[in-house]
Amino acid sequence: MDIQLDHLTIPSKDRVAAARQLADLLGVSWGAAAAGPFTAVYVSDGLTLDFDQMDEPFPVTHVCFRVDDAGFDAVLGRLGAAGVTFRSSVRGPPDQQEGAYLGGRLVYWNVPDGHQWEMLTVSYARKPA
């Protein structure tokens, strides 16, 4: 059986603003989801993030995007242009630096909803092939 992640729901105080910001930073499209009250970010052909609006408190989510070096440079440029603070370590202070791990590059940033986004070029979640 081939199992792939299709979509994830991300809670937000303002689903449209949150989806728009992430889509703009990643350079992908977004809009009203095909079903439900969600605002979708179309991360790739195989993954959609559905932002759902919540009035009550919700847990903070960590989502990591793996990209190639050109994609990393493009997103890093958009983070800087948008004035989004980022950091080189998962819990460190915003240092506007990229980190290095396993020969790859990575950065972390948080959004007003508290969610933490990570972008890396080499996965540390899986053993190399």
Foldseek 3Di string as FASTA:
>chain_A
DDDDEAEEEDEDQDQVVVLVVVCQLQVFDWAQDPDDRWIWTCNDPRYIYTYDHDPDQDDAAEEEAADAPVSVVSSLVSCVVVVFFKPCDDPDDRDSDWHDDPRKIKIWGADPSGHIYMYMHDDPVDDDD
